[in-house]
C-alpha atoms as a PDB file:
ATOM      1  CA  MET A   1     -17.999  21.906  -0.541  1.00  0.00           C
ATOM      2  CA  GLY A   2     -14.509  23.125   0.378  1.00  0.00           C
ATOM      3  CA  PHE A   3     -11.746  23.737  -2.108  1.00  0.00           C
ATOM      4  CA  PHE A   4      -9.727  20.683  -1.086  1.00  0.00           C
ATOM      5  CA  SER A   5     -12.846  18.484  -1.101  1.00  0.00           C
ATOM      6  CA  PHE A   6     -13.434  19.430  -4.723  1.00  0.00           C
ATOM      7  CA  LEU A   7      -9.835  18.594  -5.610  1.00  0.00           C
ATOM      8  CA  ARG A   8     -10.031  15.306  -3.750  1.00  0.00           C
ATOM      9  CA  GLU A   9     -13.119  14.316  -5.737  1.00  0.00           C
ATOM     10  CA  LYS A  10     -11.232  15.074  -8.937  1.00  0.00           C
ATOM     11  CA  THR A  11      -8.282  12.902  -7.856  1.00  0.00           C
ATOM     12  CA  VAL A  12     -10.116   9.753  -6.816  1.00  0.00           C
ATOM     13  CA  SER A  13      -8.732   8.064  -9.923  1.00  0.00           C
ATOM     14  CA  PRO A  14      -5.374   6.320  -9.493  1.00  0.00           C
ATOM     15  CA  VAL A  15      -2.454   8.659  -8.894  1.00  0.00           C
ATOM     16  CA  ARG A  16      -0.634   7.328 -11.956  1.00  0.00           C
ATOM     17  CA  GLU A  17      -3.191   9.171 -14.115  1.00  0.00           C
ATOM     18  CA  ILE A  18      -2.372  12.466 -12.412  1.00  0.00           C
ATOM     19  CA  LYS A  19       0.418  14.361 -14.098  1.00  0.00           C
ATOM     20  CA  ASP A  20       1.867  16.140 -11.089  1.00  0.00           C
ATOM     21  CA  ARG A  21       2.746  13.744  -8.299  1.00  0.00           C
ATOM     22  CA  GLY A  22       4.971  13.855  -5.293  1.00  0.00           C
ATOM     23  CA  ILE A  23       6.417  11.329  -2.906  1.00  0.00           C
ATOM     24  CA  LEU A  24       6.903  11.495   0.841  1.00  0.00           C
ATOM     25  CA  VAL A  25      10.106   9.886   2.111  1.00  0.00           C
ATOM     26  CA  PHE A  26      10.269   8.678   5.711  1.00  0.00           C
ATOM     27  CA  GLU A  27      12.975   7.384   7.993  1.00  0.00           C
ATOM     28  CA  ASN A  28      11.359   3.993   8.563  1.00  0.00           C
ATOM     29  CA  THR A  29       8.478   1.786   7.528  1.00  0.00           C
ATOM     30  CA  SER A  30       6.553   2.338  10.757  1.00  0.00           C
ATOM     31  CA  GLU A  31       6.305   6.046   9.923  1.00  0.00           C
ATOM     32  CA  VAL A  32       5.057   5.229   6.407  1.00  0.00           C
ATOM     33  CA  ILE A  33       2.333   2.981   7.813  1.00  0.00           C
ATOM     34  CA  ARG A  34       1.311   5.572  10.382  1.00  0.00           C
ATOM     35  CA  ALA A  35       1.276   8.390   7.794  1.00  0.00           C
ATOM     36  CA  GLU A  36      -0.737   6.286   5.342  1.00  0.00           C
ATOM     37  CA  ASN A  37      -3.358   5.551   8.018  1.00  0.00           C
ATOM     38  CA  VAL A  38      -3.647   9.218   9.023  1.00  0.00           C
ATOM     39  CA  LEU A  39      -3.921  10.444   5.436  1.00  0.00           C
ATOM     40  CA  LYS A  40      -6.440   7.823   4.319  1.00  0.00           C
ATOM     41  CA  ASN A  41      -8.536   8.373   7.465  1.00  0.00           C
ATOM     42  CA  SER A  42      -8.557  12.077   6.544  1.00  0.00           C
ATOM     43  CA  GLY A  43     -10.021  11.186   3.143  1.00  0.00           C
ATOM     44  CA  LEU A  44      -6.864  11.929   1.164  1.00  0.00           C
ATOM     45  CA  TRP A  45      -5.870   9.737  -1.790  1.00  0.00           C
ATOM     46  CA  VAL A  46      -2.384   8.304  -1.331  1.00  0.00           C
ATOM     47  CA  ARG A  47      -0.619   5.150  -2.421  1.00  0.00           C
ATOM     48  CA  VAL A  48       2.284   3.276  -0.830  1.00  0.00           C
ATOM     49  CA  MET A  49       5.038   2.512  -3.317  1.00  0.00           C
ATOM     50  CA  GLY A  50       8.659   1.477  -3.376  1.00  0.00           C
ATOM     51  CA  PRO A  51      11.128   4.377  -3.484  1.00  0.00           C
ATOM     52  CA  PRO A  52      13.106   5.126  -6.619  1.00  0.00           C
ATOM     53  CA  PRO A  53      16.772   4.162  -6.140  1.00  0.00           C
ATOM     54  CA  GLU A  54      17.891   7.804  -6.368  1.00  0.00           C
ATOM     55  CA  ILE A  55      16.193   8.752  -3.095  1.00  0.00           C
ATOM     56  CA  ARG A  56      16.283   5.500  -1.138  1.00  0.00           C
ATOM     57  CA  THR A  57      17.187   6.171   2.478  1.00  0.00           C
ATOM     58  CA  GLY A  58      16.921   2.712   3.959  1.00  0.00           C
ATOM     59  CA  CYS A  59      13.149   2.654   4.226  1.00  0.00           C
ATOM     60  CA  ASP A  60      11.747   0.526   1.439  1.00  0.00           C
ATOM     61  CA  LEU A  61       8.430   2.385   1.149  1.00  0.00           C
ATOM     62  CA  VAL A  62       7.304   5.897   0.176  1.00  0.00           C
ATOM     63  CA  ILE A  63       3.894   7.534  -0.122  1.00  0.00           C
ATOM     64  CA  GLU A  64       2.852   8.841  -3.520  1.00  0.00           C
ATOM     65  CA  PHE A  65       0.265  11.637  -3.651  1.00  0.00           C
ATOM     66  CA  PRO A  66      -1.238  14.243  -6.017  1.00  0.00           C
ATOM     67  CA  LEU A  67       1.176  17.178  -5.768  1.00  0.00           C
ATOM     68  CA  ILE A  68      -1.667  19.690  -5.688  1.00  0.00           C
ATOM     69  CA  GLU A  69      -2.728  18.245  -2.317  1.00  0.00           C
ATOM     70  CA  GLY A  70       0.783  18.561  -0.855  1.00  0.00           C
ATOM     71  CA  LEU A  71       0.020  21.446   1.498  1.00  0.00           C
ATOM     72  CA  GLU A  72      -3.062  19.742   2.934  1.00  0.00           C
ATOM     73  CA  ILE A  73      -1.150  16.469   3.296  1.00  0.00           C
ATOM     74  CA  LEU A  74       1.736  18.128   5.145  1.00  0.00           C
ATOM     75  CA  ARG A  75      -0.647  20.009   7.440  1.00  0.00           C
ATOM     76  CA  THR A  76      -2.530  16.796   8.204  1.00  0.00           C
ATOM     77  CA  LEU A  77       0.693  14.956   9.030  1.00  0.00           C
ATOM     78  CA  GLU A  78       2.044  17.851  11.109  1.00  0.00           C
ATOM     79  CA  GLY A  79      -1.170  17.784  13.156  1.00  0.00           C
ATOM     80  CA  GLU A  80      -0.287  14.194  14.098  1.00  0.00           C
ATOM     81  CA  ASN A  81       3.422  14.963  14.695  1.00  0.00           C
ATOM     82  CA  ILE A  82       4.494  13.025  11.616  1.00  0.00           C
ATOM     83  CA  PHE A  83       7.261  14.653   9.599  1.00  0.00           C
ATOM     84  CA  PRO A  84       8.626  13.171   6.368  1.00  0.00           C
ATOM     85  CA  LEU A  85      12.364  13.394   5.734  1.00  0.00           C
ATOM     86  CA  LYS A  86      11.713  14.690   2.213  1.00  0.00           C
ATOM     87  CA  VAL A  87       8.860  15.744  -0.032  1.00  0.00           C
ATOM     88  CA  VAL A  88       9.969  15.135  -3.603  1.00  0.00           C
ATOM     89  CA  PRO A  89       8.076  16.079  -6.760  1.00  0.00           C
ATOM     90  CA  VAL A  90       8.140  13.293  -9.352  1.00  0.00           C
ATOM     91  CA  SER A  91       9.811  15.308 -12.080  1.00  0.00           C
ATOM     92  CA  GLY A  92      11.199  12.609 -14.327  1.00  0.00           C
ATOM     93  CA  PRO A  93      11.545   8.894 -14.921  1.00  0.00           C
ATOM     94  CA  LEU A  94      14.450   8.563 -12.482  1.00  0.00           C
ATOM     95  CA  LEU A  95      12.191   9.672  -9.640  1.00  0.00           C
ATOM     96  CA  GLU A  96       9.302   7.337 -10.541  1.00  0.00           C
ATOM     97  CA  PRO A  97       8.230   5.305  -7.521  1.00  0.00           C
ATOM     98  CA  VAL A  98       8.311   1.558  -8.018  1.00  0.00           C
ATOM     99  CA  SER A  99       5.242  -0.642  -7.703  1.00  0.00           C
ATOM    100  CA  ILE A 100       5.470  -3.030  -4.795  1.00  0.00           C
ATOM    101  CA  PHE A 101       2.939  -5.361  -6.448  1.00  0.00           C
ATOM    102  CA  PHE A 102       3.536  -8.332  -8.700  1.00  0.00           C
ATOM    103  CA  THR A 103       0.698 -10.504  -9.993  1.00  0.00           C
ATOM    104  CA  LYS A 104       1.124 -13.965 -11.486  1.00  0.00           C
ATOM    105  CA  ASP A 105      -1.719 -15.952 -13.049  1.00  0.00           C
ATOM    106  CA  PHE A 106      -1.096 -19.711 -12.813  1.00  0.00           C
ATOM    107  CA  GLY A 107      -4.277 -20.704 -14.672  1.00  0.00           C
ATOM    108  CA  ASP A 108      -6.380 -22.101 -11.825  1.00  0.00           C
ATOM    109  CA  PHE A 109      -4.587 -19.938  -9.247  1.00  0.00           C
ATOM    110  CA  LEU A 110      -3.775 -16.238  -8.886  1.00  0.00           C
ATOM    111  CA  MET A 111      -0.881 -14.965  -6.777  1.00  0.00           C
ATOM    112  CA  VAL A 112      -0.261 -11.390  -5.687  1.00  0.00           C
ATOM    113  CA  ARG A 113       2.995 -10.318  -4.076  1.00  0.00           C
ATOM    114  CA  ALA A 114       3.302  -7.038  -2.188  1.00  0.00           C
ATOM    115  CA  ALA A 115       6.865  -6.315  -1.145  1.00  0.00           C
ATOM    116  CA  ASN A 116       8.006  -9.653   0.308  1.00  0.00           C
ATOM    117  CA  MET A 117       4.613 -11.234   1.091  1.00  0.00           C
ATOM    118  CA  LYS A 118       2.532 -13.404  -1.227  1.00  0.00           C
ATOM    119  CA  ILE A 119      -1.071 -14.567  -1.177  1.00  0.00           C
ATOM    120  CA  THR A 120      -2.414 -17.164  -3.610  1.00  0.00           C
ATOM    121  CA  VAL A 121      -6.067 -18.026  -4.235  1.00  0.00           C
ATOM    122  CA  GLU A 122      -7.812 -20.695  -6.259  1.00  0.00           C
ATOM    123  CA  LYS A 123      -9.734 -18.674  -8.839  1.00  0.00           C
ATOM    124  CA  ALA A 124     -12.756 -21.006  -9.099  1.00  0.00           C
ATOM    125  CA  THR A 125     -13.539 -20.973  -5.373  1.00  0.00           C
ATOM    126  CA  LEU A 126     -11.674 -17.820  -4.233  1.00  0.00           C
ATOM    127  CA  THR A 127     -10.127 -19.955  -1.481  1.00  0.00           C
ATOM    128  CA  VAL A 128      -6.808 -18.816  -0.052  1.00  0.00           C
ATOM    129  CA  VAL A 129      -4.421 -21.692  -0.739  1.00  0.00           C
ATOM    130  CA  ASN A 130      -1.079 -20.191   0.287  1.00  0.00           C
ATOM    131  CA  ILE A 131       0.490 -17.372   2.287  1.00  0.00           C
ATOM    132  CA  SER A 132       4.263 -17.086   2.042  1.00  0.00           C
ATOM    133  CA  GLY A 133       7.240 -14.774   2.262  1.00  0.00           C
ATOM    134  CA  GLY A 134       8.713 -12.518   4.859  1.00  0.00           C
ATOM    135  CA  GLY A 135      10.580 -13.471   7.945  1.00  0.00           C
ATOM    136  CA  CYS A 136       8.396 -11.992  10.647  1.00  0.00           C
ATOM    137  CA  PRO A 137       7.236 -14.143  13.551  1.00  0.00           C
ATOM    138  CA  ASP A 138       3.532 -13.722  12.759  1.00  0.00           C
ATOM    139  CA  VAL A 139       3.679 -15.127   9.191  1.00  0.00           C
ATOM    140  CA  PRO A 140       2.877 -18.732  10.251  1.00  0.00           C
ATOM    141  CA  TYR A 141      -0.038 -17.446  12.342  1.00  0.00           C
ATOM    142  CA  LEU A 142      -1.334 -15.317   9.446  1.00  0.00           C
ATOM    143  CA  ALA A 143      -1.152 -18.346   7.146  1.00  0.00           C
ATOM    144  CA  ALA A 144      -2.904 -20.607   9.676  1.00  0.00           C
ATOM    145  CA  GLU A 145      -5.744 -18.105  10.060  1.00  0.00           C
ATOM    146  CA  MET A 146      -6.222 -17.405   6.328  1.00  0.00           C
ATOM    147  CA  VAL A 147      -5.389 -20.543   4.316  1.00  0.00           C
ATOM    148  CA  GLY A 148      -8.427 -22.681   3.546  1.00  0.00           C
ATOM    149  CA  LYS A 149     -10.893 -19.788   3.836  1.00  0.00           C
ATOM    150  CA  ARG A 150     -12.657 -17.967   1.039  1.00  0.00           C
ATOM    151  CA  LEU A 151     -11.097 -14.603   0.260  1.00  0.00           C
ATOM    152  CA  ASP A 152     -14.220 -12.795   1.460  1.00  0.00           C
ATOM    153  CA  GLU A 153     -14.267 -14.827   4.705  1.00  0.00           C
ATOM    154  CA  ALA A 154     -10.573 -14.742   5.626  1.00  0.00           C
ATOM    155  CA  PRO A 155      -9.602 -12.248   8.320  1.00  0.00           C
ATOM    156  CA  SER A 156      -7.883  -9.071   7.257  1.00  0.00           C
ATOM    157  CA  PRO A 157      -4.126  -9.445   7.873  1.00  0.00           C
ATOM    158  CA  ARG A 158      -4.082  -6.006   9.471  1.00  0.00           C
ATOM    159  CA  SER A 159      -6.630  -7.150  12.046  1.00  0.00           C
ATOM    160  CA  ILE A 160      -4.529 -10.134  13.181  1.00  0.00           C
ATOM    161  CA  GLY A 161      -0.916  -9.248  12.252  1.00  0.00           C
ATOM    162  CA  HIS A 162       1.350  -6.702  13.882  1.00  0.00           C
ATOM    163  CA  THR A 163       4.548  -6.633  11.824  1.00  0.00           C
ATOM    164  CA  LEU A 164       5.859  -5.272   8.542  1.00  0.00           C
ATOM    165  CA  CYS A 165       5.066  -8.681   6.989  1.00  0.00           C
ATOM    166  CA  GLY A 166       1.470  -8.379   8.193  1.00  0.00           C
ATOM    167  CA  TYR A 167       1.276  -4.914   6.660  1.00  0.00           C
ATOM    168  CA  ALA A 168       2.698  -6.126   3.332  1.00  0.00           C
ATOM    169  CA  LEU A 169       0.283  -9.073   3.365  1.00  0.00           C
ATOM    170  CA  GLN A 170      -2.583  -6.623   3.957  1.00  0.00           C
ATOM    171  CA  LEU A 171      -1.575  -4.757   0.798  1.00  0.00           C
ATOM    172  CA  ALA A 172      -1.427  -8.032  -1.175  1.00  0.00           C
ATOM    173  CA  TYR A 173      -4.787  -9.078   0.316  1.00  0.00           C
ATOM    174  CA  GLU A 174      -6.416  -5.794  -0.772  1.00  0.00           C
ATOM    175  CA  GLU A 175      -4.914  -6.085  -4.265  1.00  0.00           C
ATOM    176  CA  ILE A 176      -6.069  -9.673  -4.760  1.00  0.00           C
ATOM    177  CA  GLN A 177      -9.538  -8.710  -3.522  1.00  0.00           C
ATOM    178  CA  ARG A 178      -9.647  -5.936  -6.154  1.00  0.00           C
ATOM    179  CA  LYS A 179      -8.704  -8.445  -8.836  1.00  0.00           C
ATOM    180  CA  CYS A 180     -11.000 -11.279  -7.728  1.00  0.00           C
ATOM    181  CA  LEU A 181     -14.027  -9.646  -6.104  1.00  0.00           C
ATOM    182  CA  ARG A 182     -14.830  -7.007  -8.742  1.00  0.00           C
END
């Protein structure tokens, strides 16, 4: 077992429990999505978050990671020609990334919002009852394909959507699955 593999096993718990964290800042959301895919496919634990106001550059997403894995993360990204604008250690409350998730329990229904996209399910049946938010052209299509289906039968937004709204809905979809399909 390699050195980084051992560290990765130790950091499988959520990043918020790790004391030393860093954030990767990118020029645009497309780069964040691409970097997240590369890093997760390499087995590295990362989490997409909203940037703290002090380092916002226009892109409304950053990648949070265990600081101890920073060198491996940068090497992995460099191998794919992905270069963050900044790598910032989270050294105080002003640099805390912001959660992009909001959950609201309406009794019989549970809604999760990720960035600007929302998914709502009926808790008793786990049926998707609403998809809303965003302004991307594929939102009506995503809603048509998902609403009325059980959460475990609905298509993954990433598999049928191709915009930032589809990406945000994928994050909400994964979060609501974690909450409902435990």
